[in-house]
Amino acid sequence: MTLAKVAVLISGSGTNMAALLYASRMPDSPYEIVLVASNDPHAGGLALAEAEGIPTFALSHKGMSREDHDEAMDGAIRKSGAEFVALAGYMRILSEPMVKRWEGRMLNIHPSLLPKYKGLHTHERALEAGDAQAGASVHLVSAELDGGEVLGQARVAVMSGDTPEVLARRVLIAEHQLYPRVLAEFVSRPFNRDWLLGELRKRALALPEAEERPSHGAPGWRSGGKSGKYFAYFSDQHHGEDHIALLAKTSGPDELAELVERDPVAFYKPAYYGASGWVGVILNRPGCDWSQVEYWLQRSWRAVAPKRLTKMLDVADQF
């Protein structure tokens, strides 16, 4: 399997970066670290990364606008070939353009059980509140500070006599266990059968009166009612194929052949269904375009749904 390429951004000693790096060298890791970058040229983690043979980039943010500094960091990340960014103690609030460029591909670790205690002084706030547990969260980076989707958490007991400093040391140990596991799971999503099925199911069932019914042991979706017809199937490497895919209706064999010839990375002719003009939209590939998947789901649904339902969508599309 091709390893996902990850850039790690740090501002200090880089202990979470080190945890990610050493985990990446385990035999079953699905990712590799291709860059460690910092806004502080003197950050201790840079020396560690260099000693371990990882390319580094450093640029002080002092005297630069936030946007210009983010632009420079983004340039270094893209030059490294990174597909994902992991913030690991990167003490900078990112500009909106930077967040948008890496939306859905940038993760951060935060020392609290989000949504509790966003921002700074998390351990002090947990102790002041009398919480029985503290912990850490890995989340996607969004425009809202520490507000993106939480991907995983580790809980740490608050002990009698804890100070913020003592609690922070235990939470940091939990962070080192949590971050590599969550990052590995996240970058593996494009190849994970259950995650792909969940994403496809969510989109198929969002169509009017769609219902799920298995077909030959595989998930399938039909338009509603007794006379409902199938508009999509989930194919999990059936008939010895390598693909996990959405099977959707085309206008016929000619269009199917054209799609496969034009973009064989995204489309293929499925065994059995292909003879009837159904196309396989490949899901288990890097950079799967889910808007394309939604297009084929809706188009295939329109081909079989009752007119009373398609008319509703036609009217909605006019606005």
C-alpha atoms as a PDB file:
ATOM      1  CA  MET A   1       0.000   0.000   0.000  1.00  0.00           C
ATOM      2  CA  THR A   2       1.236   3.491  -0.834  1.00  0.00           C
ATOM      3  CA  LEU A   3       2.010   5.421   2.336  1.00  0.00           C
ATOM      4  CA  ALA A   4       0.161   8.685   2.937  1.00  0.00           C
ATOM      5  CA  LYS A   5       2.557  11.637   3.048  1.00  0.00           C
ATOM      6  CA  VAL A   6       2.226  13.847   6.141  1.00  0.00           C
ATOM      7  CA  ALA A   7       3.782  17.208   7.039  1.00  0.00           C
ATOM      8  CA  VAL A   8       4.009  18.039  10.743  1.00  0.00           C
ATOM      9  CA  LEU A   9       3.985  21.625  12.017  1.00  0.00           C
ATOM     10  CA  ILE A  10       5.559  22.404  15.389  1.00  0.00           C
ATOM     11  CA  SER A  11       6.559  25.404  17.469  1.00  0.00           C
ATOM     12  CA  GLY A  12       8.575  23.794  20.283  1.00  0.00           C
ATOM     13  CA  SER A  13      10.169  20.570  21.459  1.00  0.00           C
ATOM     14  CA  GLY A  14       8.047  18.435  19.157  1.00  0.00           C
ATOM     15  CA  THR A  15       7.228  15.505  21.438  1.00  0.00           C
ATOM     16  CA  ASN A  16       3.973  14.787  19.595  1.00  0.00           C
ATOM     17  CA  MET A  17       5.870  15.061  16.316  1.00  0.00           C
ATOM     18  CA  ALA A  18       8.330  12.486  17.661  1.00  0.00           C
ATOM     19  CA  ALA A  19       5.455  10.171  18.607  1.00  0.00           C
ATOM     20  CA  LEU A  20       4.050  10.463  15.080  1.00  0.00           C
ATOM     21  CA  LEU A  21       7.481   9.935  13.523  1.00  0.00           C
ATOM     22  CA  TYR A  22       8.419   6.821  15.470  1.00  0.00           C
ATOM     23  CA  ALA A  23       4.957   5.323  14.994  1.00  0.00           C
ATOM     24  CA  SER A  24       5.343   5.911  11.249  1.00  0.00           C
ATOM     25  CA  ARG A  25       8.303   3.540  11.262  1.00  0.00           C
ATOM     26  CA  MET A  26       6.317   0.613  12.591  1.00  0.00           C
ATOM     27  CA  PRO A  27       5.753  -2.094   9.955  1.00  0.00           C
ATOM     28  CA  ASP A  28       1.994  -1.557   9.708  1.00  0.00           C
ATOM     29  CA  SER A  29       1.973   2.252   9.557  1.00  0.00           C
ATOM     30  CA  PRO A  30      -0.089   3.698   6.689  1.00  0.00           C
ATOM     31  CA  TYR A  31       1.741   7.056   6.674  1.00  0.00           C
ATOM     32  CA  GLU A  32       5.198   8.597   6.503  1.00  0.00           C
ATOM     33  CA  ILE A  33       6.495  11.978   7.668  1.00  0.00           C
ATOM     34  CA  VAL A  34       7.883  13.955   4.720  1.00  0.00           C
ATOM     35  CA  LEU A  35       8.407  17.334   6.394  1.00  0.00           C
ATOM     36  CA  VAL A  36       8.676  18.922   9.818  1.00  0.00           C
ATOM     37  CA  ALA A  37       8.127  22.695   9.649  1.00  0.00           C
ATOM     38  CA  SER A  38       8.134  25.386  12.308  1.00  0.00           C
ATOM     39  CA  ASN A  39       7.458  29.072  12.823  1.00  0.00           C
ATOM     40  CA  ASP A  40      10.432  29.101  15.219  1.00  0.00           C
ATOM     41  CA  PRO A  41      13.860  28.376  13.671  1.00  0.00           C
ATOM     42  CA  HIS A  42      15.108  27.431  17.168  1.00  0.00           C
ATOM     43  CA  ALA A  43      12.344  24.903  17.923  1.00  0.00           C
ATOM     44  CA  GLY A  44      13.877  21.841  19.552  1.00  0.00           C
ATOM     45  CA  GLY A  45      11.850  19.457  17.429  1.00  0.00           C
ATOM     46  CA  LEU A  46      13.656  20.591  14.269  1.00  0.00           C
ATOM     47  CA  ALA A  47      16.973  19.194  15.511  1.00  0.00           C
ATOM     48  CA  LEU A  48      15.312  15.872  16.315  1.00  0.00           C
ATOM     49  CA  ALA A  49      13.715  15.682  12.866  1.00  0.00           C
ATOM     50  CA  GLU A  50      17.032  16.479  11.172  1.00  0.00           C
ATOM     51  CA  ALA A  51      18.801  13.803  13.212  1.00  0.00           C
ATOM     52  CA  GLU A  52      16.176  11.308  12.057  1.00  0.00           C
ATOM     53  CA  GLY A  53      16.670  12.266   8.421  1.00  0.00           C
ATOM     54  CA  ILE A  54      13.392  14.154   7.974  1.00  0.00           C
ATOM     55  CA  PRO A  55      13.431  17.299   5.785  1.00  0.00           C
ATOM     56  CA  THR A  56      12.734  20.467   7.751  1.00  0.00           C
ATOM     57  CA  PHE A  57      11.617  24.013   7.044  1.00  0.00           C
ATOM     58  CA  ALA A  58      11.684  26.964   9.444  1.00  0.00           C
ATOM     59  CA  LEU A  59      10.518  30.528   9.056  1.00  0.00           C
ATOM     60  CA  SER A  60       9.942  32.971  11.881  1.00  0.00           C
ATOM     61  CA  HIS A  61       6.562  34.664  11.779  1.00  0.00           C
ATOM     62  CA  LYS A  62       7.954  37.828  13.348  1.00  0.00           C
ATOM     63  CA  GLY A  63       7.540  40.843  11.095  1.00  0.00           C
ATOM     64  CA  MET A  64       5.274  38.975   8.685  1.00  0.00           C
ATOM     65  CA  SER A  65       1.536  39.142   8.200  1.00  0.00           C
ATOM     66  CA  ARG A  66      -0.347  36.005   9.133  1.00  0.00           C
ATOM     67  CA  GLU A  67      -1.376  35.470   5.519  1.00  0.00           C
ATOM     68  CA  ASP A  68       2.165  35.862   4.142  1.00  0.00           C
ATOM     69  CA  HIS A  69       3.612  33.494   6.724  1.00  0.00           C
ATOM     70  CA  ASP A  70       0.907  30.912   6.069  1.00  0.00           C
ATOM     71  CA  GLU A  71       1.575  31.253   2.329  1.00  0.00           C
ATOM     72  CA  ALA A  72       5.242  30.446   2.870  1.00  0.00           C
ATOM     73  CA  MET A  73       4.440  27.484   5.118  1.00  0.00           C
ATOM     74  CA  ASP A  74       1.911  26.220   2.607  1.00  0.00           C
ATOM     75  CA  GLY A  75       4.493  26.445  -0.154  1.00  0.00           C
ATOM     76  CA  ALA A  76       6.946  24.327   1.831  1.00  0.00           C
ATOM     77  CA  ILE A  77       4.259  21.774   2.633  1.00  0.00           C
ATOM     78  CA  ARG A  78       3.224  21.430  -0.999  1.00  0.00           C
ATOM     79  CA  LYS A  79       6.838  21.216  -2.173  1.00  0.00           C
ATOM     80  CA  SER A  80       7.322  18.257   0.192  1.00  0.00           C
ATOM     81  CA  GLY A  81       4.499  16.373  -1.530  1.00  0.00           C
ATOM     82  CA  ALA A  82       2.461  16.133   1.683  1.00  0.00           C
ATOM     83  CA  GLU A  83      -1.176  15.081   1.332  1.00  0.00           C
ATOM     84  CA  PHE A  84      -2.049  15.726   4.997  1.00  0.00           C
ATOM     85  CA  VAL A  85      -0.921  18.171   7.675  1.00  0.00           C
ATOM     86  CA  ALA A  86      -0.667  17.329  11.374  1.00  0.00           C
ATOM     87  CA  LEU A  87      -0.397  20.266  13.775  1.00  0.00           C
ATOM     88  CA  ALA A  88       1.628  19.116  16.771  1.00  0.00           C
ATOM     89  CA  GLY A  89       2.047  21.975  19.202  1.00  0.00           C
ATOM     90  CA  TYR A  90       1.959  24.566  16.423  1.00  0.00           C
ATOM     91  CA  MET A  91       1.207  27.726  18.363  1.00  0.00           C
ATOM     92  CA  ARG A  92      -0.205  29.801  15.552  1.00  0.00           C
ATOM     93  CA  ILE A  93      -3.811  30.550  14.635  1.00  0.00           C
ATOM     94  CA  LEU A  94      -4.033  29.858  10.918  1.00  0.00           C
ATOM     95  CA  SER A  95      -5.540  32.265   8.412  1.00  0.00           C
ATOM     96  CA  GLU A  96      -8.822  31.392   6.724  1.00  0.00           C
ATOM     97  CA  PRO A  97      -7.208  30.792   3.308  1.00  0.00           C
ATOM     98  CA  MET A  98      -4.750  28.325   4.863  1.00  0.00           C
ATOM     99  CA  VAL A  99      -7.537  26.436   6.629  1.00  0.00           C
ATOM    100  CA  LYS A 100      -9.596  26.275   3.437  1.00  0.00           C
ATOM    101  CA  ARG A 101      -6.670  24.990   1.362  1.00  0.00           C
ATOM    102  CA  TRP A 102      -6.239  22.033   3.712  1.00  0.00           C
ATOM    103  CA  GLU A 103      -9.864  21.542   4.721  1.00  0.00           C
ATOM    104  CA  GLY A 104     -10.504  17.893   5.537  1.00  0.00           C
ATOM    105  CA  ARG A 105      -6.778  17.097   5.417  1.00  0.00           C
ATOM    106  CA  MET A 106      -5.387  18.993   8.421  1.00  0.00           C
ATOM    107  CA  LEU A 107      -5.502  17.585  11.959  1.00  0.00           C
ATOM    108  CA  ASN A 108      -4.668  19.067  15.351  1.00  0.00           C
ATOM    109  CA  ILE A 109      -4.251  17.686  18.844  1.00  0.00           C
ATOM    110  CA  HIS A 110      -5.704  19.664  21.742  1.00  0.00           C
ATOM    111  CA  PRO A 111      -5.174  18.990  25.487  1.00  0.00           C
ATOM    112  CA  SER A 112      -8.813  18.771  26.571  1.00  0.00           C
ATOM    113  CA  LEU A 113     -11.890  16.667  26.003  1.00  0.00           C
ATOM    114  CA  LEU A 114     -13.458  18.847  23.342  1.00  0.00           C
ATOM    115  CA  PRO A 115     -15.841  20.597  23.140  1.00  0.00           C
ATOM    116  CA  LYS A 116     -14.691  21.475  26.675  1.00  0.00           C
ATOM    117  CA  TYR A 117     -11.986  24.066  27.119  1.00  0.00           C
ATOM    118  CA  LYS A 118     -11.122  25.307  23.678  1.00  0.00           C
ATOM    119  CA  GLY A 119      -8.099  27.572  23.519  1.00  0.00           C
ATOM    120  CA  LEU A 120      -5.458  27.919  26.229  1.00  0.00           C
ATOM    121  CA  HIS A 121      -5.072  27.010  29.935  1.00  0.00           C
ATOM    122  CA  THR A 122      -7.030  23.791  29.525  1.00  0.00           C
ATOM    123  CA  HIS A 123      -5.634  22.001  32.583  1.00  0.00           C
ATOM    124  CA  GLU A 124      -6.237  24.934  34.890  1.00  0.00           C
ATOM    125  CA  ARG A 125      -9.823  25.167  33.680  1.00  0.00           C
ATOM    126  CA  ALA A 126     -10.424  21.436  34.151  1.00  0.00           C
ATOM    127  CA  LEU A 127      -9.120  21.575  37.720  1.00  0.00           C
ATOM    128  CA  GLU A 128     -11.104  24.722  38.556  1.00  0.00           C
ATOM    129  CA  ALA A 129     -14.265  23.024  37.279  1.00  0.00           C
ATOM    130  CA  GLY A 130     -13.660  19.999  39.501  1.00  0.00           C
ATOM    131  CA  ASP A 131     -13.666  17.590  36.555  1.00  0.00           C
ATOM    132  CA  ALA A 132     -13.057  13.930  37.342  1.00  0.00           C
ATOM    133  CA  GLN A 133     -11.376  13.444  33.976  1.00  0.00           C
ATOM    134  CA  ALA A 134      -9.188  15.469  31.662  1.00  0.00           C
ATOM    135  CA  GLY A 135      -7.670  14.313  28.403  1.00  0.00           C
ATOM    136  CA  ALA A 136      -6.804  15.059  24.811  1.00  0.00           C
ATOM    137  CA  SER A 137      -8.670  15.275  21.506  1.00  0.00           C
ATOM    138  CA  VAL A 138      -7.586  14.965  17.893  1.00  0.00           C
ATOM    139  CA  HIS A 139      -9.803  16.979  15.589  1.00  0.00           C
ATOM    140  CA  LEU A 140      -9.986  18.300  12.057  1.00  0.00           C
ATOM    141  CA  VAL A 141      -8.955  21.925  11.736  1.00  0.00           C
ATOM    142  CA  SER A 142     -11.778  24.287  10.839  1.00  0.00           C
ATOM    143  CA  ALA A 143     -12.321  28.031  10.783  1.00  0.00           C
ATOM    144  CA  GLU A 144     -13.556  27.834  14.392  1.00  0.00           C
ATOM    145  CA  LEU A 145     -10.716  27.534  16.902  1.00  0.00           C
ATOM    146  CA  ASP A 146     -10.610  23.912  18.150  1.00  0.00           C
ATOM    147  CA  GLY A 147     -14.065  23.477  16.641  1.00  0.00           C
ATOM    148  CA  GLY A 148     -13.583  20.889  13.894  1.00  0.00           C
ATOM    149  CA  GLU A 149     -14.886  17.311  13.890  1.00  0.00           C
ATOM    150  CA  VAL A 150     -13.426  15.306  16.787  1.00  0.00           C
ATOM    151  CA  LEU A 151     -11.763  12.171  15.427  1.00  0.00           C
ATOM    152  CA  GLY A 152     -10.620  10.586  18.700  1.00  0.00           C
ATOM    153  CA  GLN A 153     -10.091  11.226  22.393  1.00  0.00           C
ATOM    154  CA  ALA A 154      -8.046   9.848  25.297  1.00  0.00           C
ATOM    155  CA  ARG A 155      -9.299  10.270  28.870  1.00  0.00           C
ATOM    156  CA  VAL A 156      -7.015  10.838  31.854  1.00  0.00           C
ATOM    157  CA  ALA A 157      -8.140  10.643  35.491  1.00  0.00           C
ATOM    158  CA  VAL A 158      -7.759  13.788  37.565  1.00  0.00           C
ATOM    159  CA  MET A 159      -6.016  12.838  40.802  1.00  0.00           C
ATOM    160  CA  SER A 160      -6.171  14.423  44.232  1.00  0.00           C
ATOM    161  CA  GLY A 161      -3.466  17.044  44.567  1.00  0.00           C
ATOM    162  CA  ASP A 162      -3.019  17.536  40.833  1.00  0.00           C
ATOM    163  CA  THR A 163      -1.586  20.832  39.701  1.00  0.00           C
ATOM    164  CA  PRO A 164      -1.917  22.023  36.105  1.00  0.00           C
ATOM    165  CA  GLU A 165       1.712  21.052  35.507  1.00  0.00           C
ATOM    166  CA  VAL A 166       1.349  17.532  36.933  1.00  0.00           C
ATOM    167  CA  LEU A 167      -1.888  16.915  35.045  1.00  0.00           C
ATOM    168  CA  ALA A 168      -0.327  18.249  31.842  1.00  0.00           C
ATOM    169  CA  ARG A 169       2.477  15.672  32.057  1.00  0.00           C
ATOM    170  CA  ARG A 170       0.016  12.782  32.245  1.00  0.00           C
ATOM    171  CA  VAL A 171      -2.151  14.189  29.472  1.00  0.00           C
ATOM    172  CA  LEU A 172       0.945  14.500  27.280  1.00  0.00           C
ATOM    173  CA  ILE A 173       1.608  10.768  27.686  1.00  0.00           C
ATOM    174  CA  ALA A 174      -1.964  10.121  26.530  1.00  0.00           C
ATOM    175  CA  GLU A 175      -1.460  12.472  23.570  1.00  0.00           C
ATOM    176  CA  HIS A 176       1.531  10.436  22.427  1.00  0.00           C
ATOM    177  CA  GLN A 177      -0.609   7.281  22.347  1.00  0.00           C
ATOM    178  CA  LEU A 178      -3.631   8.946  20.773  1.00  0.00           C
ATOM    179  CA  TYR A 179      -2.261  11.025  17.921  1.00  0.00           C
ATOM    180  CA  PRO A 180      -0.456   8.282  15.931  1.00  0.00           C
ATOM    181  CA  ARG A 181      -3.459   5.949  16.193  1.00  0.00           C
ATOM    182  CA  VAL A 182      -5.982   8.568  15.062  1.00  0.00           C
ATOM    183  CA  LEU A 183      -3.756   9.833  12.246  1.00  0.00           C
ATOM    184  CA  ALA A 184      -3.260   6.266  11.002  1.00  0.00           C
ATOM    185  CA  GLU A 185      -7.006   5.623  11.052  1.00  0.00           C
ATOM    186  CA  PHE A 186      -7.748   8.918   9.320  1.00  0.00           C
ATOM    187  CA  VAL A 187      -5.328   8.530   6.411  1.00  0.00           C
ATOM    188  CA  SER A 188      -6.600   4.947   5.946  1.00  0.00           C
ATOM    189  CA  ARG A 189     -10.205   6.076   5.469  1.00  0.00           C
ATOM    190  CA  PRO A 190     -10.032   6.117   1.645  1.00  0.00           C
ATOM    191  CA  PHE A 191      -9.290   2.375   1.723  1.00  0.00           C
ATOM    192  CA  ASN A 192     -11.503   1.342   4.644  1.00  0.00           C
ATOM    193  CA  ARG A 193     -14.532  -0.634   3.504  1.00  0.00           C
ATOM    194  CA  ASP A 194     -16.749   0.266   6.447  1.00  0.00           C
ATOM    195  CA  TRP A 195     -15.987   3.975   6.257  1.00  0.00           C
ATOM    196  CA  LEU A 196     -16.597   4.057   2.506  1.00  0.00           C
ATOM    197  CA  LEU A 197     -19.897   2.219   2.913  1.00  0.00           C
ATOM    198  CA  GLY A 198     -20.976   4.650   5.638  1.00  0.00           C
ATOM    199  CA  GLU A 199     -20.232   7.668   3.459  1.00  0.00           C
ATOM    200  CA  LEU A 200     -22.053   6.157   0.481  1.00  0.00           C
ATOM    201  CA  ARG A 201     -25.028   5.075   2.596  1.00  0.00           C
ATOM    202  CA  LYS A 202     -25.377   8.577   4.068  1.00  0.00           C
ATOM    203  CA  ARG A 203     -25.532  10.130   0.613  1.00  0.00           C
ATOM    204  CA  ALA A 204     -27.813   7.511  -0.934  1.00  0.00           C
ATOM    205  CA  LEU A 205     -30.370   7.700   1.871  1.00  0.00           C
ATOM    206  CA  ALA A 206     -30.423  11.512   1.629  1.00  0.00           C
ATOM    207  CA  LEU A 207     -32.274  11.177  -1.697  1.00  0.00           C
ATOM    208  CA  PRO A 208     -36.095  11.440  -1.519  1.00  0.00           C
ATOM    209  CA  GLU A 209     -37.787   8.219  -0.381  1.00  0.00           C
ATOM    210  CA  ALA A 210     -34.629   6.170  -0.901  1.00  0.00           C
ATOM    211  CA  GLU A 211     -34.430   2.949   1.063  1.00  0.00           C
ATOM    212  CA  GLU A 212     -31.699   0.381   1.563  1.00  0.00           C
ATOM    213  CA  ARG A 213     -32.233  -3.247   0.660  1.00  0.00           C
ATOM    214  CA  PRO A 214     -29.544  -5.891   0.223  1.00  0.00           C
ATOM    215  CA  SER A 215     -29.130  -7.432  -3.202  1.00  0.00           C
ATOM    216  CA  HIS A 216     -27.259 -10.740  -3.508  1.00  0.00           C
ATOM    217  CA  GLY A 217     -25.789 -10.092  -0.069  1.00  0.00           C
ATOM    218  CA  ALA A 218     -24.515  -6.594  -0.886  1.00  0.00           C
ATOM    219  CA  PRO A 219     -25.975  -3.217   0.169  1.00  0.00           C
ATOM    220  CA  GLY A 220     -28.220  -1.639  -2.432  1.00  0.00           C
ATOM    221  CA  TRP A 221     -30.538   1.363  -2.576  1.00  0.00           C
ATOM    222  CA  ARG A 222     -33.941   1.655  -4.222  1.00  0.00           C
ATOM    223  CA  SER A 223     -36.441   4.361  -4.840  1.00  0.00           C
ATOM    224  CA  GLY A 224     -39.330   4.077  -2.392  1.00  0.00           C
ATOM    225  CA  GLY A 225     -42.578   2.177  -2.695  1.00  0.00           C
ATOM    226  CA  LYS A 226     -43.593  -1.340  -3.682  1.00  0.00           C
ATOM    227  CA  SER A 227     -42.508  -0.787  -7.284  1.00  0.00           C
ATOM    228  CA  GLY A 228     -39.213   0.841  -6.301  1.00  0.00           C
ATOM    229  CA  LYS A 229     -36.201   0.085  -8.456  1.00  0.00           C
ATOM    230  CA  TYR A 230     -32.531  -0.104  -7.540  1.00  0.00           C
ATOM    231  CA  PHE A 231     -30.485   2.951  -8.428  1.00  0.00           C
ATOM    232  CA  ALA A 232     -27.214   2.077  -6.655  1.00  0.00           C
ATOM    233  CA  TYR A 233     -25.211  -0.818  -5.279  1.00  0.00           C
ATOM    234  CA  PHE A 234     -22.135  -1.055  -3.075  1.00  0.00           C
ATOM    235  CA  SER A 235     -19.516  -3.339  -4.595  1.00  0.00           C
ATOM    236  CA  ASP A 236     -16.821  -4.611  -2.236  1.00  0.00           C
ATOM    237  CA  GLN A 237     -14.176  -6.145  -4.510  1.00  0.00           C
ATOM    238  CA  HIS A 238     -16.753  -8.489  -6.037  1.00  0.00           C
ATOM    239  CA  HIS A 239     -15.774 -11.073  -8.657  1.00  0.00           C
ATOM    240  CA  GLY A 240     -12.082 -10.676  -7.802  1.00  0.00           C
ATOM    241  CA  GLU A 241     -11.982  -6.955  -8.638  1.00  0.00           C
ATOM    242  CA  ASP A 242      -9.624  -4.628  -6.776  1.00  0.00           C
ATOM    243  CA  HIS A 243     -12.231  -1.915  -6.419  1.00  0.00           C
ATOM    244  CA  ILE A 244     -14.585  -0.855  -3.664  1.00  0.00           C
ATOM    245  CA  ALA A 245     -17.140   1.060  -5.674  1.00  0.00           C
ATOM    246  CA  LEU A 246     -20.527   2.612  -6.224  1.00  0.00           C
ATOM    247  CA  LEU A 247     -22.399   0.948  -9.068  1.00  0.00           C
ATOM    248  CA  ALA A 248     -24.694   3.419 -10.815  1.00  0.00           C
ATOM    249  CA  LYS A 249     -26.763   3.542 -14.001  1.00  0.00           C
ATOM    250  CA  THR A 250     -25.458   5.204 -17.158  1.00  0.00           C
ATOM    251  CA  SER A 251     -27.378   5.812 -20.368  1.00  0.00           C
ATOM    252  CA  GLY A 252     -25.980   2.560 -21.750  1.00  0.00           C
ATOM    253  CA  PRO A 253     -22.861   0.629 -22.809  1.00  0.00           C
ATOM    254  CA  ASP A 254     -21.581   3.415 -25.073  1.00  0.00           C
ATOM    255  CA  GLU A 255     -21.459   5.989 -22.277  1.00  0.00           C
ATOM    256  CA  LEU A 256     -19.965   3.395 -19.926  1.00  0.00           C
ATOM    257  CA  ALA A 257     -17.157   2.651 -22.393  1.00  0.00           C
ATOM    258  CA  GLU A 258     -16.509   6.371 -22.873  1.00  0.00           C
ATOM    259  CA  LEU A 259     -16.266   6.994 -19.126  1.00  0.00           C
ATOM    260  CA  VAL A 260     -13.816   4.133 -18.580  1.00  0.00           C
ATOM    261  CA  GLU A 261     -11.651   5.185 -21.511  1.00  0.00           C
ATOM    262  CA  ARG A 262     -11.603   8.838 -20.436  1.00  0.00           C
ATOM    263  CA  ASP A 263     -10.860   8.282 -16.741  1.00  0.00           C
ATOM    264  CA  PRO A 264      -9.883   4.722 -15.796  1.00  0.00           C
ATOM    265  CA  VAL A 265      -8.689   5.921 -12.381  1.00  0.00           C
ATOM    266  CA  ALA A 266     -12.269   6.850 -11.435  1.00  0.00           C
ATOM    267  CA  PHE A 267     -14.426   4.446 -13.492  1.00  0.00           C
ATOM    268  CA  TYR A 268     -14.456   0.795 -14.534  1.00  0.00           C
ATOM    269  CA  LYS A 269     -16.810  -1.699 -16.150  1.00  0.00           C
ATOM    270  CA  PRO A 270     -18.085  -3.981 -13.374  1.00  0.00           C
ATOM    271  CA  ALA A 271     -18.535  -7.674 -13.969  1.00  0.00           C
ATOM    272  CA  TYR A 272     -22.183  -8.689 -14.547  1.00  0.00           C
ATOM    273  CA  TYR A 273     -23.654  -5.191 -14.083  1.00  0.00           C
ATOM    274  CA  GLY A 274     -21.448  -3.672 -16.786  1.00  0.00           C
ATOM    275  CA  ALA A 275     -23.264  -5.590 -19.496  1.00  0.00           C
ATOM    276  CA  SER A 276     -26.381  -3.558 -18.641  1.00  0.00           C
ATOM    277  CA  GLY A 277     -24.541  -0.235 -18.742  1.00  0.00           C
ATOM    278  CA  TRP A 278     -23.895   0.191 -15.019  1.00  0.00           C
ATOM    279  CA  VAL A 279     -20.645   2.000 -14.233  1.00  0.00           C
ATOM    280  CA  GLY A 280     -18.347   1.375 -11.292  1.00  0.00           C
ATOM    281  CA  VAL A 281     -17.323   4.626  -9.571  1.00  0.00           C
ATOM    282  CA  ILE A 282     -14.140   3.691  -7.687  1.00  0.00           C
ATOM    283  CA  LEU A 283     -14.196   4.749  -4.033  1.00  0.00           C
ATOM    284  CA  ASN A 284     -10.991   3.213  -2.640  1.00  0.00           C
ATOM    285  CA  ARG A 285      -8.575   5.629  -4.277  1.00  0.00           C
ATOM    286  CA  PRO A 286      -6.665   8.660  -2.983  1.00  0.00           C
ATOM    287  CA  GLY A 287      -8.536  11.903  -3.554  1.00  0.00           C
ATOM    288  CA  CYS A 288     -11.910  10.314  -4.247  1.00  0.00           C
ATOM    289  CA  ASP A 289     -14.203  13.118  -5.408  1.00  0.00           C
ATOM    290  CA  TRP A 290     -17.340  12.740  -3.293  1.00  0.00           C
ATOM    291  CA  SER A 291     -19.146  15.438  -5.275  1.00  0.00           C
ATOM    292  CA  GLN A 292     -18.699  13.156  -8.292  1.00  0.00           C
ATOM    293  CA  VAL A 293     -20.114  10.250  -6.270  1.00  0.00           C
ATOM    294  CA  GLU A 294     -23.112  12.384  -5.287  1.00  0.00           C
ATOM    295  CA  TYR A 295     -23.655  13.321  -8.946  1.00  0.00           C
ATOM    296  CA  TRP A 296     -23.839   9.681 -10.005  1.00  0.00           C
ATOM    297  CA  LEU A 297     -26.074   8.737  -7.107  1.00  0.00           C
ATOM    298  CA  GLN A 298     -28.539  11.492  -7.944  1.00  0.00           C
ATOM    299  CA  ARG A 299     -28.407  10.871 -11.687  1.00  0.00           C
ATOM    300  CA  SER A 300     -28.964   7.147 -11.210  1.00  0.00           C
ATOM    301  CA  TRP A 301     -31.796   7.840  -8.744  1.00  0.00           C
ATOM    302  CA  ARG A 302     -33.481  10.165 -11.259  1.00  0.00           C
ATOM    303  CA  ALA A 303     -33.374   7.396 -13.858  1.00  0.00           C
ATOM    304  CA  VAL A 304     -35.633   5.102 -11.781  1.00  0.00           C
ATOM    305  CA  ALA A 305     -37.542   7.344  -9.355  1.00  0.00           C
ATOM    306  CA  PRO A 306     -41.240   8.144  -9.880  1.00  0.00           C
ATOM    307  CA  LYS A 307     -41.949  11.380 -11.734  1.00  0.00           C
ATOM    308  CA  ARG A 308     -43.724  12.834  -8.711  1.00  0.00           C
ATOM    309  CA  LEU A 309     -40.357  12.773  -6.919  1.00  0.00           C
ATOM    310  CA  THR A 310     -38.139  13.920  -9.786  1.00  0.00           C
ATOM    311  CA  LYS A 311     -40.455  16.866 -10.406  1.00  0.00           C
ATOM    312  CA  MET A 312     -39.833  18.022  -6.843  1.00  0.00           C
ATOM    313  CA  LEU A 313     -36.086  18.037  -7.439  1.00  0.00           C
ATOM    314  CA  ASP A 314     -36.485  19.730 -10.816  1.00  0.00           C
ATOM    315  CA  VAL A 315     -38.381  22.559  -9.142  1.00  0.00           C
ATOM    316  CA  ALA A 316     -35.784  22.804  -6.356  1.00  0.00           C
ATOM    317  CA  ASP A 317     -32.943  22.978  -8.906  1.00  0.00           C
ATOM    318  CA  GLN A 318     -34.468  26.138 -10.372  1.00  0.00           C
ATOM    319  CA  PHE A 319     -33.832  28.078  -7.176  1.00  0.00           C
END
